[in-house]
């Protein structure tokens, strides 16, 4: 990749991540699913490994459904390229999960997303994600 191609790809991956966080918090599950390759593998500490994008969205939409309000922040990305179609990223993260009925905070978490991406059919998609938390404060029953 040229320097310019790498910069463009880096920005495309940043937009991918921004859309993922927005889709999660607005509960736009169709958009959320569309950002992931069908063979996406996801693992969040405390939950089983999810072996497809559909399995992930089925579980995430239940965990963060209408009974929850969420706020996700991802920042300070470290993105490295293995090729012009494969990349890895580590993002610092903060998330807050609230009970939708009472606005009571349930979880306030910090840590890092470890992700991989592939450019397929001209667009970048998530192919793996692992959330590694460094601190989790729990306030209610999740």
N, C-alpha and C. Protein backbone atom coordinates (compact mmCIF):
# COMPACT_ATOMS: atom_id res chain seq x y z
N UNK A 1 0.84 -1.18 0.00
CA UNK A 1 0.00 0.00 0.00
C UNK A 1 0.88 1.24 0.00
N UNK A 2 0.45 2.23 -0.75
CA UNK A 2 1.13 3.52 -0.67
C UNK A 2 0.71 4.20 0.64
N UNK A 3 1.43 5.24 1.00
CA UNK A 3 1.07 5.98 2.21
C UNK A 3 -0.35 6.53 2.10
N UNK A 4 -0.71 7.04 0.93
CA UNK A 4 -2.05 7.59 0.74
C UNK A 4 -3.11 6.50 0.84
N UNK A 5 -2.88 5.35 0.24
CA UNK A 5 -3.83 4.24 0.33
C UNK A 5 -4.00 3.79 1.78
N UNK A 6 -2.91 3.77 2.54
CA UNK A 6 -2.99 3.38 3.94
C UNK A 6 -3.80 4.41 4.75
N UNK A 7 -3.59 5.68 4.50
CA UNK A 7 -4.36 6.71 5.20
C UNK A 7 -5.85 6.60 4.89
N UNK A 8 -6.18 6.37 3.64
CA UNK A 8 -7.59 6.23 3.25
C UNK A 8 -8.19 5.00 3.93
N UNK A 9 -7.47 3.89 3.90
CA UNK A 9 -7.96 2.66 4.54
C UNK A 9 -8.13 2.86 6.04
N UNK A 10 -7.19 3.53 6.67
CA UNK A 10 -7.27 3.80 8.11
C UNK A 10 -8.54 4.61 8.43
N UNK A 11 -8.82 5.62 7.62
CA UNK A 11 -10.03 6.43 7.84
C UNK A 11 -11.30 5.61 7.60
N UNK A 12 -11.28 4.73 6.62
CA UNK A 12 -12.44 3.87 6.38
C UNK A 12 -12.70 2.95 7.57
N UNK A 13 -11.63 2.43 8.18
CA UNK A 13 -11.78 1.57 9.35
C UNK A 13 -12.28 2.39 10.55
N UNK A 14 -11.80 3.61 10.69
CA UNK A 14 -12.30 4.47 11.77
C UNK A 14 -13.80 4.74 11.61
N UNK A 15 -14.24 4.98 10.38
CA UNK A 15 -15.67 5.18 10.12
C UNK A 15 -16.47 3.91 10.41
N UNK A 16 -15.90 2.76 10.06
CA UNK A 16 -16.54 1.48 10.35
C UNK A 16 -16.78 1.36 11.86
N UNK A 17 -15.76 1.68 12.63
CA UNK A 17 -15.86 1.58 14.09
C UNK A 17 -16.88 2.58 14.63
N UNK A 18 -16.87 3.79 14.12
CA UNK A 18 -17.83 4.81 14.58
C UNK A 18 -19.26 4.36 14.28
N UNK A 19 -19.47 3.78 13.13
CA UNK A 19 -20.81 3.30 12.78
C UNK A 19 -21.24 2.16 13.68
N UNK A 20 -20.30 1.30 14.04
CA UNK A 20 -20.60 0.18 14.93
C UNK A 20 -21.06 0.70 16.29
N UNK A 21 -20.33 1.66 16.86
CA UNK A 21 -20.72 2.20 18.16
C UNK A 21 -22.08 2.89 18.08
N UNK A 22 -22.30 3.66 17.04
CA UNK A 22 -23.60 4.35 16.87
C UNK A 22 -24.72 3.34 16.69
N UNK A 23 -24.49 2.32 15.87
CA UNK A 23 -25.52 1.30 15.64
C UNK A 23 -25.86 0.57 16.94
N UNK A 24 -24.86 0.29 17.76
CA UNK A 24 -25.11 -0.38 19.04
C UNK A 24 -25.96 0.50 19.94
N UNK A 25 -25.61 1.77 20.06
CA UNK A 25 -26.31 2.66 20.99
C UNK A 25 -27.69 3.08 20.50
N UNK A 26 -27.90 3.10 19.19
CA UNK A 26 -29.22 3.44 18.65
C UNK A 26 -30.05 2.19 18.35
N UNK A 27 -29.46 1.04 18.58
CA UNK A 27 -30.11 -0.25 18.38
C UNK A 27 -30.55 -0.46 16.92
N UNK A 28 -29.68 0.00 16.03
CA UNK A 28 -29.90 -0.21 14.60
C UNK A 28 -29.23 -1.53 14.24
N UNK A 29 -29.92 -2.63 14.51
CA UNK A 29 -29.32 -3.95 14.37
C UNK A 29 -29.05 -4.34 12.93
N UNK A 30 -29.82 -3.81 11.99
CA UNK A 30 -29.54 -4.08 10.57
C UNK A 30 -28.21 -3.45 10.17
N UNK A 31 -27.98 -2.21 10.57
CA UNK A 31 -26.70 -1.56 10.29
C UNK A 31 -25.58 -2.30 11.00
N UNK A 32 -25.77 -2.62 12.27
CA UNK A 32 -24.76 -3.32 13.06
C UNK A 32 -24.32 -4.61 12.35
N UNK A 33 -25.29 -5.40 11.94
CA UNK A 33 -24.99 -6.66 11.26
C UNK A 33 -24.25 -6.42 9.95
N UNK A 34 -24.63 -5.39 9.21
CA UNK A 34 -24.02 -5.13 7.90
C UNK A 34 -22.55 -4.73 7.98
N UNK A 35 -22.09 -4.36 9.14
CA UNK A 35 -20.70 -3.94 9.32
C UNK A 35 -19.76 -5.11 9.56
N UNK A 36 -20.31 -6.30 9.70
CA UNK A 36 -19.54 -7.49 10.04
C UNK A 36 -19.59 -8.51 8.91
N UNK A 37 -18.45 -9.16 8.67
CA UNK A 37 -18.42 -10.27 7.72
C UNK A 37 -19.30 -11.40 8.26
N UNK A 38 -19.96 -12.16 7.38
CA UNK A 38 -20.82 -13.25 7.86
C UNK A 38 -20.08 -14.24 8.78
N UNK A 39 -18.78 -14.45 8.52
CA UNK A 39 -17.99 -15.39 9.32
C UNK A 39 -17.28 -14.72 10.50
N UNK A 40 -17.75 -13.56 10.88
CA UNK A 40 -17.19 -12.83 12.02
C UNK A 40 -17.21 -13.69 13.28
N UNK A 41 -16.14 -13.62 14.07
CA UNK A 41 -16.04 -14.32 15.34
C UNK A 41 -15.85 -13.28 16.43
N UNK A 42 -16.64 -13.40 17.49
CA UNK A 42 -16.60 -12.41 18.56
C UNK A 42 -16.50 -13.10 19.91
N UNK A 43 -15.71 -12.50 20.80
CA UNK A 43 -15.62 -13.04 22.16
C UNK A 43 -15.49 -11.89 23.15
N UNK A 44 -16.46 -11.78 24.02
CA UNK A 44 -16.42 -10.81 25.11
C UNK A 44 -16.27 -11.58 26.41
N UNK A 45 -15.39 -11.10 27.27
CA UNK A 45 -15.17 -11.77 28.54
C UNK A 45 -16.49 -11.99 29.26
N UNK A 46 -16.66 -13.19 29.79
CA UNK A 46 -17.87 -13.50 30.52
C UNK A 46 -18.99 -14.09 29.67
N UNK A 47 -18.79 -14.14 28.37
CA UNK A 47 -19.80 -14.67 27.46
C UNK A 47 -19.16 -15.73 26.57
N UNK A 48 -19.97 -16.63 26.02
CA UNK A 48 -19.41 -17.62 25.10
C UNK A 48 -18.91 -16.95 23.82
N UNK A 49 -18.05 -17.65 23.13
CA UNK A 49 -17.56 -17.18 21.83
C UNK A 49 -18.69 -17.33 20.82
N UNK A 50 -18.87 -16.28 20.00
CA UNK A 50 -19.90 -16.30 18.97
C UNK A 50 -19.23 -16.49 17.62
N UNK A 51 -19.63 -17.54 16.89
CA UNK A 51 -18.92 -17.97 15.71
C UNK A 51 -19.42 -17.45 14.38
N UNK A 52 -20.37 -16.52 14.39
CA UNK A 52 -20.83 -15.92 13.14
C UNK A 52 -21.40 -14.55 13.45
N UNK A 53 -21.52 -13.72 12.44
CA UNK A 53 -22.11 -12.40 12.63
C UNK A 53 -23.56 -12.53 13.10
N UNK A 54 -24.29 -13.48 12.56
CA UNK A 54 -25.68 -13.64 12.96
C UNK A 54 -25.80 -14.07 14.41
N UNK A 55 -24.96 -15.00 14.84
CA UNK A 55 -24.98 -15.43 16.24
C UNK A 55 -24.63 -14.26 17.15
N UNK A 56 -23.66 -13.45 16.75
CA UNK A 56 -23.28 -12.28 17.54
C UNK A 56 -24.44 -11.30 17.65
N UNK A 57 -25.08 -10.97 16.53
CA UNK A 57 -26.16 -9.97 16.56
C UNK A 57 -27.36 -10.50 17.34
N UNK A 58 -27.64 -11.79 17.25
CA UNK A 58 -28.74 -12.38 18.03
C UNK A 58 -28.50 -12.16 19.53
N UNK A 59 -27.27 -12.36 19.97
CA UNK A 59 -26.94 -12.21 21.38
C UNK A 59 -26.80 -10.76 21.80
N UNK A 60 -26.13 -9.96 21.01
CA UNK A 60 -25.93 -8.55 21.36
C UNK A 60 -27.28 -7.82 21.42
N UNK A 61 -28.16 -8.09 20.47
CA UNK A 61 -29.45 -7.40 20.47
C UNK A 61 -30.30 -7.81 21.67
N UNK A 62 -30.13 -9.02 22.19
CA UNK A 62 -30.83 -9.43 23.41
C UNK A 62 -30.22 -8.74 24.63
N UNK A 63 -28.89 -8.73 24.70
CA UNK A 63 -28.21 -8.13 25.85
C UNK A 63 -28.45 -6.63 25.95
N UNK A 64 -28.48 -5.95 24.80
CA UNK A 64 -28.59 -4.49 24.78
C UNK A 64 -29.91 -4.04 24.17
N UNK A 65 -30.94 -4.85 24.29
CA UNK A 65 -32.23 -4.55 23.69
C UNK A 65 -32.91 -3.34 24.30
N UNK A 66 -34.20 -3.24 24.09
CA UNK A 66 -34.98 -2.08 24.53
C UNK A 66 -34.97 -1.88 26.04
N UNK A 67 -34.61 -2.90 26.79
CA UNK A 67 -34.57 -2.79 28.26
C UNK A 67 -33.27 -2.15 28.76
N UNK A 68 -32.37 -1.80 27.83
CA UNK A 68 -31.09 -1.19 28.18
C UNK A 68 -30.86 0.08 27.36
N UNK A 69 -30.18 1.04 27.95
CA UNK A 69 -29.62 2.18 27.24
C UNK A 69 -28.11 2.02 27.32
N UNK A 70 -27.42 2.25 26.21
CA UNK A 70 -25.97 2.06 26.20
C UNK A 70 -25.27 3.29 25.65
N UNK A 71 -24.05 3.45 26.09
CA UNK A 71 -23.17 4.49 25.58
C UNK A 71 -21.81 3.83 25.34
N UNK A 72 -21.37 3.81 24.10
CA UNK A 72 -20.07 3.23 23.75
C UNK A 72 -19.15 4.33 23.21
N UNK A 73 -17.94 4.35 23.72
CA UNK A 73 -16.91 5.26 23.21
C UNK A 73 -15.69 4.43 22.85
N UNK A 74 -15.21 4.60 21.66
CA UNK A 74 -13.98 3.95 21.20
C UNK A 74 -13.03 5.05 20.74
N UNK A 75 -11.77 4.96 21.14
CA UNK A 75 -10.85 6.04 20.83
C UNK A 75 -9.42 5.53 20.80
N UNK A 76 -8.54 6.41 20.39
CA UNK A 76 -7.09 6.17 20.27
C UNK A 76 -6.78 4.84 19.58
N UNK A 77 -7.21 4.70 18.32
CA UNK A 77 -6.99 3.43 17.63
C UNK A 77 -5.51 3.22 17.26
N UNK A 78 -5.12 1.96 17.36
CA UNK A 78 -3.83 1.50 16.85
C UNK A 78 -4.16 0.53 15.72
N UNK A 79 -4.03 0.98 14.50
CA UNK A 79 -4.40 0.17 13.34
C UNK A 79 -3.13 -0.17 12.57
N UNK A 80 -2.94 -1.47 12.33
CA UNK A 80 -1.81 -1.93 11.55
C UNK A 80 -2.33 -2.76 10.38
N UNK A 81 -1.62 -2.70 9.27
CA UNK A 81 -2.05 -3.38 8.06
C UNK A 81 -1.15 -4.57 7.79
N UNK A 82 -1.79 -5.72 7.56
CA UNK A 82 -1.07 -6.92 7.16
C UNK A 82 -0.93 -6.97 5.64
N UNK A 83 -1.89 -6.38 4.96
CA UNK A 83 -1.90 -6.30 3.50
C UNK A 83 -2.85 -5.18 3.12
N UNK A 84 -3.11 -5.02 1.84
CA UNK A 84 -4.05 -3.97 1.43
C UNK A 84 -5.51 -4.36 1.68
N UNK A 85 -5.74 -5.62 2.13
CA UNK A 85 -7.11 -6.05 2.42
C UNK A 85 -7.28 -6.63 3.83
N UNK A 86 -6.24 -6.60 4.64
CA UNK A 86 -6.33 -7.14 6.00
C UNK A 86 -5.65 -6.18 6.97
N UNK A 87 -6.33 -5.97 8.13
CA UNK A 87 -5.78 -5.07 9.14
C UNK A 87 -6.18 -5.56 10.53
N UNK A 88 -5.43 -5.07 11.52
CA UNK A 88 -5.72 -5.33 12.92
C UNK A 88 -5.86 -4.00 13.63
N UNK A 89 -6.70 -3.97 14.65
CA UNK A 89 -6.86 -2.75 15.41
C UNK A 89 -7.04 -3.02 16.89
N UNK A 90 -6.52 -2.10 17.68
CA UNK A 90 -6.77 -2.08 19.12
C UNK A 90 -7.32 -0.70 19.44
N UNK A 91 -8.47 -0.69 20.09
CA UNK A 91 -9.15 0.56 20.43
C UNK A 91 -9.36 0.63 21.93
N UNK A 92 -8.98 1.71 22.55
CA UNK A 92 -9.38 1.95 23.93
C UNK A 92 -10.89 2.16 23.93
N UNK A 93 -11.54 1.67 24.99
CA UNK A 93 -13.00 1.77 25.01
C UNK A 93 -13.50 2.12 26.41
N UNK A 94 -14.69 2.69 26.40
CA UNK A 94 -15.46 2.91 27.61
C UNK A 94 -16.91 2.63 27.24
N UNK A 95 -17.59 1.90 28.10
CA UNK A 95 -19.02 1.70 27.86
C UNK A 95 -19.78 1.86 29.16
N UNK A 96 -21.00 2.31 29.01
CA UNK A 96 -21.91 2.45 30.13
C UNK A 96 -23.23 1.82 29.72
N UNK A 97 -23.78 1.03 30.61
CA UNK A 97 -25.05 0.36 30.33
C UNK A 97 -26.01 0.71 31.46
N UNK A 98 -27.19 1.16 31.06
CA UNK A 98 -28.21 1.62 32.00
C UNK A 98 -29.48 0.81 31.83
N UNK A 99 -30.25 0.70 32.89
CA UNK A 99 -31.59 0.16 32.82
C UNK A 99 -32.46 1.21 32.14
N UNK A 100 -33.16 0.83 31.09
CA UNK A 100 -33.95 1.81 30.31
C UNK A 100 -35.12 2.38 31.10
N UNK A 101 -35.70 1.59 31.98
CA UNK A 101 -36.88 2.06 32.71
C UNK A 101 -36.53 3.07 33.80
N UNK A 102 -35.40 2.86 34.47
CA UNK A 102 -35.05 3.71 35.63
C UNK A 102 -33.86 4.63 35.37
N UNK A 103 -33.14 4.42 34.28
CA UNK A 103 -31.88 5.11 33.99
C UNK A 103 -30.80 4.78 35.02
N UNK A 104 -31.00 3.74 35.81
CA UNK A 104 -29.99 3.31 36.76
C UNK A 104 -28.80 2.72 36.01
N UNK A 105 -27.59 3.17 36.36
CA UNK A 105 -26.40 2.61 35.73
C UNK A 105 -26.20 1.19 36.23
N UNK A 106 -25.96 0.28 35.31
CA UNK A 106 -25.72 -1.11 35.63
C UNK A 106 -24.25 -1.47 35.53
N UNK A 107 -23.60 -0.96 34.48
CA UNK A 107 -22.19 -1.28 34.23
C UNK A 107 -21.48 -0.04 33.70
N UNK A 108 -20.28 0.18 34.18
CA UNK A 108 -19.38 1.18 33.61
C UNK A 108 -18.06 0.47 33.39
N UNK A 109 -17.70 0.27 32.13
CA UNK A 109 -16.53 -0.53 31.80
C UNK A 109 -15.49 0.23 31.01
N UNK A 110 -14.26 -0.24 31.16
CA UNK A 110 -13.11 0.32 30.45
C UNK A 110 -12.26 -0.85 29.96
N UNK A 111 -11.58 -0.65 28.87
CA UNK A 111 -10.69 -1.70 28.38
C UNK A 111 -10.30 -1.46 26.94
N UNK A 112 -10.12 -2.56 26.21
CA UNK A 112 -9.64 -2.49 24.84
C UNK A 112 -10.36 -3.50 23.97
N UNK A 113 -10.76 -3.04 22.79
CA UNK A 113 -11.25 -3.94 21.75
C UNK A 113 -10.07 -4.34 20.89
N UNK A 114 -9.90 -5.64 20.69
CA UNK A 114 -8.90 -6.18 19.78
C UNK A 114 -9.67 -6.73 18.59
N UNK A 115 -9.43 -6.16 17.40
CA UNK A 115 -10.25 -6.48 16.24
C UNK A 115 -9.40 -6.79 15.02
N UNK A 116 -10.02 -7.50 14.09
CA UNK A 116 -9.44 -7.64 12.75
C UNK A 116 -10.49 -7.21 11.74
N UNK A 117 -9.98 -6.80 10.58
CA UNK A 117 -10.83 -6.28 9.52
C UNK A 117 -10.34 -6.85 8.20
N UNK A 118 -11.27 -7.02 7.28
CA UNK A 118 -10.92 -7.39 5.91
C UNK A 118 -11.71 -6.53 4.96
N UNK A 119 -11.06 -6.19 3.87
CA UNK A 119 -11.75 -5.46 2.80
C UNK A 119 -12.31 -6.49 1.84
N UNK A 120 -13.63 -6.57 1.79
CA UNK A 120 -14.33 -7.53 0.94
C UNK A 120 -15.30 -6.77 0.05
N UNK A 121 -15.26 -7.08 -1.22
CA UNK A 121 -16.13 -6.42 -2.19
C UNK A 121 -16.04 -4.90 -2.07
N UNK A 122 -14.84 -4.42 -1.84
CA UNK A 122 -14.59 -2.98 -1.85
C UNK A 122 -14.87 -2.24 -0.56
N UNK A 123 -15.24 -2.96 0.52
CA UNK A 123 -15.48 -2.24 1.79
C UNK A 123 -14.93 -3.03 2.96
N UNK A 124 -14.49 -2.30 3.97
CA UNK A 124 -13.93 -2.89 5.17
C UNK A 124 -15.05 -3.43 6.05
N UNK A 125 -14.82 -4.62 6.62
CA UNK A 125 -15.76 -5.27 7.53
C UNK A 125 -15.00 -5.81 8.74
N UNK A 126 -15.69 -5.88 9.86
CA UNK A 126 -15.13 -6.55 11.03
C UNK A 126 -15.10 -8.05 10.76
N UNK A 127 -13.98 -8.71 11.12
CA UNK A 127 -13.91 -10.17 10.99
C UNK A 127 -13.74 -10.85 12.34
N UNK A 128 -13.12 -10.17 13.31
CA UNK A 128 -13.05 -10.69 14.68
C UNK A 128 -13.08 -9.51 15.65
N UNK A 129 -13.54 -9.82 16.86
CA UNK A 129 -13.50 -8.82 17.94
C UNK A 129 -13.37 -9.56 19.26
N UNK A 130 -12.47 -9.07 20.10
CA UNK A 130 -12.38 -9.55 21.47
C UNK A 130 -12.30 -8.33 22.38
N UNK A 131 -13.19 -8.29 23.34
CA UNK A 131 -13.19 -7.23 24.33
C UNK A 131 -12.41 -7.71 25.55
N UNK A 132 -11.38 -6.94 25.89
CA UNK A 132 -10.59 -7.23 27.10
C UNK A 132 -10.73 -6.02 28.01
N UNK A 133 -11.48 -6.22 29.08
CA UNK A 133 -11.72 -5.13 30.01
C UNK A 133 -10.57 -5.03 31.03
N UNK A 134 -10.26 -3.79 31.40
CA UNK A 134 -9.27 -3.56 32.45
C UNK A 134 -9.94 -3.16 33.75
N UNK A 135 -11.17 -2.67 33.68
CA UNK A 135 -11.93 -2.30 34.87
C UNK A 135 -13.41 -2.35 34.53
N UNK A 136 -14.17 -2.95 35.42
CA UNK A 136 -15.63 -2.97 35.27
C UNK A 136 -16.23 -2.65 36.63
N UNK A 137 -17.06 -1.63 36.65
CA UNK A 137 -17.81 -1.28 37.84
C UNK A 137 -19.26 -1.71 37.60
N UNK A 138 -19.81 -2.51 38.47
CA UNK A 138 -21.21 -2.94 38.34
C UNK A 138 -22.01 -2.31 39.47
N UNK A 139 -23.22 -1.89 39.11
CA UNK A 139 -24.07 -1.16 40.04
C UNK A 139 -25.43 -1.82 40.25
N UNK A 140 -25.81 -2.69 39.38
CA UNK A 140 -27.11 -3.33 39.48
C UNK A 140 -27.04 -4.71 38.85
N UNK A 141 -28.16 -5.34 38.73
CA UNK A 141 -28.22 -6.68 38.13
C UNK A 141 -28.21 -6.56 36.62
N UNK A 142 -27.19 -7.08 35.99
CA UNK A 142 -27.11 -7.09 34.53
C UNK A 142 -27.62 -8.43 34.08
